[in-house]
Amino acid sequence: MDEVESLRALRVRLAERGVPADLRGEALVVRPPASHLPVWVFVGYGGAFFCWQSAEERHPVTDVAGAADALALYTAPPTSLFDKTARS
């Protein structure tokens, strides 16, 4: 699977999790629900990893579902310390 195909597969998995993303050339633009700033995802390290946050965050391209889970968690709004569920 080439880099663009890997990003397309990741976009599909993100959509299944309710995280919108658009393919832009050889990068995926993930739009976090609670932020105006997108997260740019690319395939790096010789095609071995999905990378984001200036390549500080990465996940193997061989695990697309795991990468989608990691990105969904990364882009999720932070939990509030004052949320009723956080107190229990």
PDB file of N, CA and C in Angstrom:
ATOM      1  N   MET A   1       0.861  -1.173   0.000  1.00  0.00           N
ATOM      2  CA  MET A   1       0.000   0.000   0.000  1.00  0.00           C
ATOM      3  C   MET A   1       0.909   1.238   0.000  1.00  0.00           C
ATOM      4  N   ASP A   2       0.641   2.180  -0.911  1.00  0.00           N
ATOM      5  CA  ASP A   2       1.454   3.403  -0.940  1.00  0.00           C
ATOM      6  C   ASP A   2       0.939   4.413   0.088  1.00  0.00           C
ATOM      7  N   GLU A   3       1.648   5.529   0.202  1.00  0.00           N
ATOM      8  CA  GLU A   3       1.335   6.516   1.242  1.00  0.00           C
ATOM      9  C   GLU A   3      -0.077   7.075   1.123  1.00  0.00           C
ATOM     10  N   VAL A   4      -0.489   7.421  -0.100  1.00  0.00           N
ATOM     11  CA  VAL A   4      -1.824   8.003  -0.286  1.00  0.00           C
ATOM     12  C   VAL A   4      -2.903   6.970   0.027  1.00  0.00           C
ATOM     13  N   GLU A   5      -2.700   5.729  -0.374  1.00  0.00           N
ATOM     14  CA  GLU A   5      -3.673   4.681  -0.050  1.00  0.00           C
ATOM     15  C   GLU A   5      -3.762   4.475   1.463  1.00  0.00           C
ATOM     16  N   SER A   6      -2.629   4.547   2.144  1.00  0.00           N
ATOM     17  CA  SER A   6      -2.631   4.424   3.610  1.00  0.00           C
ATOM     18  C   SER A   6      -3.427   5.557   4.246  1.00  0.00           C
ATOM     19  N   LEU A   7      -3.236   6.773   3.746  1.00  0.00           N
ATOM     20  CA  LEU A   7      -3.973   7.925   4.275  1.00  0.00           C
ATOM     21  C   LEU A   7      -5.462   7.814   3.978  1.00  0.00           C
ATOM     22  N   ARG A   8      -5.812   7.289   2.802  1.00  0.00           N
ATOM     23  CA  ARG A   8      -7.238   7.082   2.483  1.00  0.00           C
ATOM     24  C   ARG A   8      -7.861   6.074   3.441  1.00  0.00           C
ATOM     25  N   ALA A   9      -7.142   4.991   3.708  1.00  0.00           N
ATOM     26  CA  ALA A   9      -7.646   3.987   4.649  1.00  0.00           C
ATOM     27  C   ALA A   9      -7.816   4.589   6.044  1.00  0.00           C
ATOM     28  N   LEU A  10      -6.887   5.433   6.442  1.00  0.00           N
ATOM     29  CA  LEU A  10      -6.986   6.100   7.742  1.00  0.00           C
ATOM     30  C   LEU A  10      -8.183   7.047   7.773  1.00  0.00           C
ATOM     31  N   ARG A  11      -8.419   7.758   6.682  1.00  0.00           N
ATOM     32  CA  ARG A  11      -9.570   8.670   6.621  1.00  0.00           C
ATOM     33  C   ARG A  11     -10.875   7.899   6.810  1.00  0.00           C
ATOM     34  N   VAL A  12     -10.992   6.732   6.190  1.00  0.00           N
ATOM     35  CA  VAL A  12     -12.195   5.906   6.338  1.00  0.00           C
ATOM     36  C   VAL A  12     -12.374   5.485   7.794  1.00  0.00           C
ATOM     37  N   ARG A  13     -11.296   5.041   8.430  1.00  0.00           N
ATOM     38  CA  ARG A  13     -11.376   4.613   9.833  1.00  0.00           C
ATOM     39  C   ARG A  13     -11.713   5.783  10.757  1.00  0.00           C
ATOM     40  N   LEU A  14     -11.185   6.964  10.461  1.00  0.00           N
ATOM     41  CA  LEU A  14     -11.523   8.145  11.265  1.00  0.00           C
ATOM     42  C   LEU A  14     -13.001   8.496  11.108  1.00  0.00           C
ATOM     43  N   ALA A  15     -13.519   8.405   9.879  1.00  0.00           N
ATOM     44  CA  ALA A  15     -14.937   8.695   9.639  1.00  0.00           C
ATOM     45  C   ALA A  15     -15.824   7.743  10.441  1.00  0.00           C
ATOM     46  N   GLU A  16     -15.419   6.483  10.560  1.00  0.00           N
ATOM     47  CA  GLU A  16     -16.175   5.514  11.359  1.00  0.00           C
ATOM     48  C   GLU A  16     -16.237   5.930  12.827  1.00  0.00           C
ATOM     49  N   ARG A  17     -15.255   6.698  13.266  1.00  0.00           N
ATOM     50  CA  ARG A  17     -15.196   7.161  14.655  1.00  0.00           C
ATOM     51  C   ARG A  17     -15.756   8.571  14.819  1.00  0.00           C
ATOM     52  N   GLY A  18     -16.307   9.121  13.735  1.00  0.00           N
ATOM     53  CA  GLY A  18     -16.904  10.451  13.791  1.00  0.00           C
ATOM     54  C   GLY A  18     -15.910  11.590  13.747  1.00  0.00           C
ATOM     55  N   VAL A  19     -14.694  11.322  13.274  1.00  0.00           N
ATOM     56  CA  VAL A  19     -13.658  12.351  13.186  1.00  0.00           C
ATOM     57  C   VAL A  19     -13.501  12.741  11.719  1.00  0.00           C
ATOM     58  N   PRO A  20     -13.863  13.976  11.356  1.00  0.00           N
ATOM     59  CA  PRO A  20     -13.762  14.392   9.954  1.00  0.00           C
ATOM     60  C   PRO A  20     -12.314  14.615   9.520  1.00  0.00           C
ATOM     61  N   ALA A  21     -12.016  14.210   8.284  1.00  0.00           N
ATOM     62  CA  ALA A  21     -10.671  14.392   7.730  1.00  0.00           C
ATOM     63  C   ALA A  21     -10.770  14.488   6.215  1.00  0.00           C
ATOM     64  N   ASP A  22      -9.863  15.255   5.621  1.00  0.00           N
ATOM     65  CA  ASP A  22      -9.811  15.434   4.169  1.00  0.00           C
ATOM     66  C   ASP A  22      -8.404  15.145   3.676  1.00  0.00           C
ATOM     67  N   LEU A  23      -8.318  14.490   2.531  1.00  0.00           N
ATOM     68  CA  LEU A  23      -7.024  14.227   1.923  1.00  0.00           C
ATOM     69  C   LEU A  23      -6.593  15.451   1.133  1.00  0.00           C
ATOM     70  N   ARG A  24      -5.391  15.936   1.399  1.00  0.00           N
ATOM     71  CA  ARG A  24      -4.814  17.089   0.697  1.00  0.00           C
ATOM     72  C   ARG A  24      -3.451  16.685   0.161  1.00  0.00           C
ATOM     73  N   GLY A  25      -3.408  16.258  -1.085  1.00  0.00           N
ATOM     74  CA  GLY A  25      -2.146  15.807  -1.656  1.00  0.00           C
ATOM     75  C   GLY A  25      -1.664  14.570  -0.936  1.00  0.00           C
ATOM     76  N   GLU A  26      -0.498  14.663  -0.329  1.00  0.00           N
ATOM     77  CA  GLU A  26       0.075  13.531   0.397  1.00  0.00           C
ATOM     78  C   GLU A  26      -0.016  13.729   1.907  1.00  0.00           C
ATOM     79  N   ALA A  27      -1.088  14.405   2.341  1.00  0.00           N
ATOM     80  CA  ALA A  27      -1.323  14.611   3.771  1.00  0.00           C
ATOM     81  C   ALA A  27      -2.817  14.504   4.050  1.00  0.00           C
ATOM     82  N   LEU A  28      -3.140  14.174   5.271  1.00  0.00           N
ATOM     83  CA  LEU A  28      -4.520  14.096   5.714  1.00  0.00           C
ATOM     84  C   LEU A  28      -4.745  15.229   6.708  1.00  0.00           C
ATOM     85  N   VAL A  29      -5.787  16.015   6.479  1.00  0.00           N
ATOM     86  CA  VAL A  29      -6.115  17.115   7.383  1.00  0.00           C
ATOM     87  C   VAL A  29      -7.267  16.650   8.272  1.00  0.00           C
ATOM     88  N   VAL A  30      -6.963  16.459   9.546  1.00  0.00           N
ATOM     89  CA  VAL A  30      -7.956  16.015  10.519  1.00  0.00           C
ATOM     90  C   VAL A  30      -8.499  17.244  11.222  1.00  0.00           C
ATOM     91  N   ARG A  31      -9.824  17.352  11.277  1.00  0.00           N
ATOM     92  CA  ARG A  31     -10.463  18.519  11.874  1.00  0.00           C
ATOM     93  C   ARG A  31     -11.086  18.136  13.217  1.00  0.00           C
ATOM     94  N   PRO A  32     -10.389  18.429  14.303  1.00  0.00           N
ATOM     95  CA  PRO A  32     -10.924  18.091  15.626  1.00  0.00           C
ATOM     96  C   PRO A  32     -12.256  18.786  15.877  1.00  0.00           C
ATOM     97  N   PRO A  33     -13.207  18.090  16.483  1.00  0.00           N
ATOM     98  CA  PRO A  33     -14.529  18.666  16.703  1.00  0.00           C
ATOM     99  C   PRO A  33     -14.530  19.913  17.587  1.00  0.00           C
ATOM    100  N   ALA A  34     -13.627  20.001  18.551  1.00  0.00           N
ATOM    101  CA  ALA A  34     -13.655  21.114  19.499  1.00  0.00           C
ATOM    102  C   ALA A  34     -12.537  22.124  19.262  1.00  0.00           C
ATOM    103  N   SER A  35     -11.979  22.155  18.054  1.00  0.00           N
ATOM    104  CA  SER A  35     -10.864  23.064  17.788  1.00  0.00           C
ATOM    105  C   SER A  35     -10.968  23.615  16.376  1.00  0.00           C
ATOM    106  N   HIS A  36     -10.459  24.808  16.198  1.00  0.00           N
ATOM    107  CA  HIS A  36     -10.411  25.399  14.867  1.00  0.00           C
ATOM    108  C   HIS A  36      -9.102  25.066  14.162  1.00  0.00           C
ATOM    109  N   LEU A  37      -8.158  24.498  14.882  1.00  0.00           N
ATOM    110  CA  LEU A  37      -6.856  24.173  14.310  1.00  0.00           C
ATOM    111  C   LEU A  37      -6.830  22.728  13.833  1.00  0.00           C
ATOM    112  N   PRO A  38      -6.527  22.501  12.566  1.00  0.00           N
ATOM    113  CA  PRO A  38      -6.475  21.129  12.060  1.00  0.00           C
ATOM    114  C   PRO A  38      -5.195  20.419  12.492  1.00  0.00           C
ATOM    115  N   VAL A  39      -5.229  19.121  12.418  1.00  0.00           N
ATOM    116  CA  VAL A  39      -4.054  18.290  12.667  1.00  0.00           C
ATOM    117  C   VAL A  39      -3.657  17.680  11.327  1.00  0.00           C
ATOM    118  N   TRP A  40      -2.431  17.952  10.892  1.00  0.00           N
ATOM    119  CA  TRP A  40      -1.934  17.427   9.624  1.00  0.00           C
ATOM    120  C   TRP A  40      -1.243  16.094   9.884  1.00  0.00           C
ATOM    121  N   VAL A  41      -1.658  15.079   9.140  1.00  0.00           N
ATOM    122  CA  VAL A  41      -1.095  13.739   9.285  1.00  0.00           C
ATOM    123  C   VAL A  41      -0.411  13.374   7.975  1.00  0.00           C
ATOM    124  N   PHE A  42       0.790  12.852   8.074  1.00  0.00           N
ATOM    125  CA  PHE A  42       1.511  12.406   6.887  1.00  0.00           C
ATOM    126  C   PHE A  42       2.141  11.050   7.180  1.00  0.00           C
ATOM    127  N   VAL A  43       2.611  10.403   6.119  1.00  0.00           N
ATOM    128  CA  VAL A  43       3.315   9.136   6.267  1.00  0.00           C
ATOM    129  C   VAL A  43       4.802   9.440   6.207  1.00  0.00           C
ATOM    130  N   GLY A  44       5.510   9.057   7.245  1.00  0.00           N
ATOM    131  CA  GLY A  44       6.938   9.361   7.323  1.00  0.00           C
ATOM    132  C   GLY A  44       7.766   8.150   7.693  1.00  0.00           C
ATOM    133  N   TYR A  45       9.022   8.410   7.968  1.00  0.00           N
ATOM    134  CA  TYR A  45       9.970   7.372   8.356  1.00  0.00           C
ATOM    135  C   TYR A  45       9.999   6.243   7.327  1.00  0.00           C
ATOM    136  N   GLY A  46      10.154   6.634   6.058  1.00  0.00           N
ATOM    137  CA  GLY A  46      10.257   5.647   4.985  1.00  0.00           C
ATOM    138  C   GLY A  46       8.972   4.894   4.721  1.00  0.00           C
ATOM    139  N   GLY A  47       7.835   5.520   5.032  1.00  0.00           N
ATOM    140  CA  GLY A  47       6.542   4.888   4.804  1.00  0.00           C
ATOM    141  C   GLY A  47       6.096   3.973   5.931  1.00  0.00           C
ATOM    142  N   ALA A  48       6.782   4.016   7.061  1.00  0.00           N
ATOM    143  CA  ALA A  48       6.486   3.091   8.153  1.00  0.00           C
ATOM    144  C   ALA A  48       5.473   3.612   9.169  1.00  0.00           C
ATOM    145  N   PHE A  49       5.321   4.939   9.280  1.00  0.00           N
ATOM    146  CA  PHE A  49       4.480   5.506  10.334  1.00  0.00           C
ATOM    147  C   PHE A  49       3.574   6.614   9.819  1.00  0.00           C
ATOM    148  N   PHE A  50       2.350   6.679  10.399  1.00  0.00           N
ATOM    149  CA  PHE A  50       1.537   7.879  10.302  1.00  0.00           C
ATOM    150  C   PHE A  50       2.129   8.832  11.326  1.00  0.00           C
ATOM    151  N   CYS A  51       2.335  10.084  10.959  1.00  0.00           N
ATOM    152  CA  CYS A  51       2.956  11.055  11.865  1.00  0.00           C
ATOM    153  C   CYS A  51       2.094  12.309  11.965  1.00  0.00           C
ATOM    154  N   TRP A  52       2.061  12.897  13.151  1.00  0.00           N
ATOM    155  CA  TRP A  52       1.394  14.184  13.368  1.00  0.00           C
ATOM    156  C   TRP A  52       2.084  14.875  14.532  1.00  0.00           C
ATOM    157  N   GLN A  53       1.726  16.118  14.780  1.00  0.00           N
ATOM    158  CA  GLN A  53       2.351  16.938  15.825  1.00  0.00           C
ATOM    159  C   GLN A  53       3.863  17.006  15.602  1.00  0.00           C
ATOM    160  N   SER A  54       4.235  17.472  14.384  1.00  0.00           N
ATOM    161  CA  SER A  54       5.650  17.609  14.002  1.00  0.00           C
ATOM    162  C   SER A  54       6.413  16.299  14.176  1.00  0.00           C
ATOM    163  N   ALA A  55       5.748  15.199  13.890  1.00  0.00           N
ATOM    164  CA  ALA A  55       6.297  13.836  13.977  1.00  0.00           C
ATOM    165  C   ALA A  55       6.632  13.416  15.407  1.00  0.00           C
ATOM    166  N   GLU A  56       6.167  14.193  16.400  1.00  0.00           N
ATOM    167  CA  GLU A  56       6.338  13.770  17.790  1.00  0.00           C
ATOM    168  C   GLU A  56       5.366  12.648  18.132  1.00  0.00           C
ATOM    169  N   GLU A  57       4.236  12.622  17.441  1.00  0.00           N
ATOM    170  CA  GLU A  57       3.248  11.559  17.601  1.00  0.00           C
ATOM    171  C   GLU A  57       3.285  10.714  16.340  1.00  0.00           C
ATOM    172  N   ARG A  58       3.287   9.393  16.505  1.00  0.00           N
ATOM    173  CA  ARG A  58       3.287   8.518  15.330  1.00  0.00           C
ATOM    174  C   ARG A  58       2.709   7.158  15.691  1.00  0.00           C
ATOM    175  N   HIS A  59       2.274   6.462  14.636  1.00  0.00           N
ATOM    176  CA  HIS A  59       1.686   5.135  14.793  1.00  0.00           C
ATOM    177  C   HIS A  59       1.994   4.337  13.530  1.00  0.00           C
ATOM    178  N   PRO A  60       2.281   3.045  13.632  1.00  0.00           N
ATOM    179  CA  PRO A  60       2.631   2.248  12.452  1.00  0.00           C
ATOM    180  C   PRO A  60       1.511   2.222  11.407  1.00  0.00           C
ATOM    181  N   VAL A  61       1.879   2.333  10.136  1.00  0.00           N
ATOM    182  CA  VAL A  61       0.880   2.291   9.063  1.00  0.00           C
ATOM    183  C   VAL A  61       0.273   0.902   8.924  1.00  0.00           C
ATOM    184  N   THR A  62       0.912  -0.093   9.492  1.00  0.00           N
ATOM    185  CA  THR A  62       0.369  -1.451   9.434  1.00  0.00           C
ATOM    186  C   THR A  62      -0.823  -1.634  10.371  1.00  0.00           C
ATOM    187  N   ASP A  63      -1.082  -0.666  11.236  1.00  0.00           N
ATOM    188  CA  ASP A  63      -2.203  -0.716  12.177  1.00  0.00           C
ATOM    189  C   ASP A  63      -3.084   0.520  11.977  1.00  0.00           C
ATOM    190  N   VAL A  64      -3.860   0.506  10.901  1.00  0.00           N
ATOM    191  CA  VAL A  64      -4.689   1.668  10.555  1.00  0.00           C
ATOM    192  C   VAL A  64      -5.746   1.919  11.627  1.00  0.00           C
ATOM    193  N   ALA A  65      -6.381   0.863  12.115  1.00  0.00           N
ATOM    194  CA  ALA A  65      -7.413   1.031  13.144  1.00  0.00           C
ATOM    195  C   ALA A  65      -6.815   1.623  14.423  1.00  0.00           C
ATOM    196  N   GLY A  66      -5.642   1.158  14.807  1.00  0.00           N
ATOM    197  CA  GLY A  66      -4.978   1.700  15.993  1.00  0.00           C
ATOM    198  C   GLY A  66      -4.582   3.153  15.812  1.00  0.00           C
ATOM    199  N   ALA A  67      -4.149   3.505  14.599  1.00  0.00           N
ATOM    200  CA  ALA A  67      -3.802   4.901  14.307  1.00  0.00           C
ATOM    201  C   ALA A  67      -5.043   5.778  14.390  1.00  0.00           C
ATOM    202  N   ALA A  68      -6.173   5.274  13.886  1.00  0.00           N
ATOM    203  CA  ALA A  68      -7.421   6.037  13.968  1.00  0.00           C
ATOM    204  C   ALA A  68      -7.838   6.228  15.424  1.00  0.00           C
ATOM    205  N   ASP A  69      -7.686   5.192  16.230  1.00  0.00           N
ATOM    206  CA  ASP A  69      -8.000   5.318  17.662  1.00  0.00           C
ATOM    207  C   ASP A  69      -7.102   6.355  18.325  1.00  0.00           C
ATOM    208  N   ALA A  70      -5.806   6.311  18.011  1.00  0.00           N
ATOM    209  CA  ALA A  70      -4.854   7.257  18.602  1.00  0.00           C
ATOM    210  C   ALA A  70      -5.173   8.690  18.187  1.00  0.00           C
ATOM    211  N   LEU A  71      -5.513   8.890  16.922  1.00  0.00           N
ATOM    212  CA  LEU A  71      -5.855  10.238  16.449  1.00  0.00           C
ATOM    213  C   LEU A  71      -7.179  10.715  17.033  1.00  0.00           C
ATOM    214  N   ALA A  72      -8.150   9.820  17.153  1.00  0.00           N
ATOM    215  CA  ALA A  72      -9.433  10.202  17.756  1.00  0.00           C
ATOM    216  C   ALA A  72      -9.224  10.645  19.202  1.00  0.00           C
ATOM    217  N   LEU A  73      -8.381   9.935  19.920  1.00  0.00           N
ATOM    218  CA  LEU A  73      -8.075  10.315  21.299  1.00  0.00           C
ATOM    219  C   LEU A  73      -7.295  11.625  21.340  1.00  0.00           C
ATOM    220  N   TYR A  74      -6.338  11.788  20.434  1.00  0.00           N
ATOM    221  CA  TYR A  74      -5.514  12.997  20.385  1.00  0.00           C
ATOM    222  C   TYR A  74      -6.356  14.238  20.085  1.00  0.00           C
ATOM    223  N   THR A  75      -7.366  14.092  19.230  1.00  0.00           N
ATOM    224  CA  THR A  75      -8.180  15.241  18.822  1.00  0.00           C
ATOM    225  C   THR A  75      -9.425  15.431  19.679  1.00  0.00           C
ATOM    226  N   ALA A  76      -9.670  14.533  20.619  1.00  0.00           N
ATOM    227  CA  ALA A  76     -10.853  14.652  21.479  1.00  0.00           C
ATOM    228  C   ALA A  76     -10.691  15.833  22.424  1.00  0.00           C
ATOM    229  N   PRO A  77     -11.792  16.500  22.739  1.00  0.00           N
ATOM    230  CA  PRO A  77     -11.698  17.598  23.702  1.00  0.00           C
ATOM    231  C   PRO A  77     -11.270  17.060  25.066  1.00  0.00           C
ATOM    232  N   PRO A  78     -10.516  17.849  25.807  1.00  0.00           N
ATOM    233  CA  PRO A  78     -10.080  17.384  27.132  1.00  0.00           C
ATOM    234  C   PRO A  78     -11.267  17.236  28.070  1.00  0.00           C
ATOM    235  N   THR A  79     -11.161  16.288  28.968  1.00  0.00           N
ATOM    236  CA  THR A  79     -12.227  16.125  29.951  1.00  0.00           C
ATOM    237  C   THR A  79     -12.080  17.210  31.010  1.00  0.00           C
ATOM    238  N   SER A  80     -13.181  17.675  31.478  1.00  0.00           N
ATOM    239  CA  SER A  80     -13.184  18.745  32.470  1.00  0.00           C
ATOM    240  C   SER A  80     -13.038  18.168  33.873  1.00  0.00           C
ATOM    241  N   LEU A  81     -12.303  18.860  34.696  1.00  0.00           N
ATOM    242  CA  LEU A  81     -12.200  18.457  36.095  1.00  0.00           C
ATOM    243  C   LEU A  81     -13.505  18.691  36.841  1.00  0.00           C
ATOM    244  N   PHE A  82     -14.364  19.507  36.246  1.00  0.00           N
ATOM    245  CA  PHE A  82     -15.619  19.858  36.893  1.00  0.00           C
ATOM    246  C   PHE A  82     -16.801  19.076  36.345  1.00  0.00           C
ATOM    247  N   ASP A  83     -16.533  18.150  35.439  1.00  0.00           N
ATOM    248  CA  ASP A  83     -17.583  17.312  34.873  1.00  0.00           C
ATOM    249  C   ASP A  83     -18.070  16.345  35.958  1.00  0.00           C
ATOM    250  N   LYS A  84     -19.355  16.132  36.023  1.00  0.00           N
ATOM    251  CA  LYS A  84     -19.918  15.257  37.054  1.00  0.00           C
ATOM    252  C   LYS A  84     -19.369  13.839  36.956  1.00  0.00           C
ATOM    253  N   THR A  85     -19.112  13.358  35.736  1.00  0.00           N
ATOM    254  CA  THR A  85     -18.601  11.995  35.594  1.00  0.00           C
ATOM    255  C   THR A  85     -17.167  11.883  36.081  1.00  0.00           C
ATOM    256  N   ALA A  86     -16.419  12.976  36.076  1.00  0.00           N
ATOM    257  CA  ALA A  86     -15.027  12.940  36.532  1.00  0.00           C
ATOM    258  C   ALA A  86     -14.936  12.816  38.051  1.00  0.00           C
ATOM    259  N   ARG A  87     -15.978  13.190  38.755  1.00  0.00           N
ATOM    260  CA  ARG A  87     -15.957  13.159  40.224  1.00  0.00           C
ATOM    261  C   ARG A  87     -16.269  11.781  40.784  1.00  0.00           C
ATOM    262  N   SER A  88     -16.889  10.946  40.015  1.00  0.00           N
ATOM    263  CA  SER A  88     -17.312   9.653  40.568  1.00  0.00           C
ATOM    264  C   SER A  88     -16.197   8.653  40.645  1.00  0.00           C
TER     265      SER A  88
END
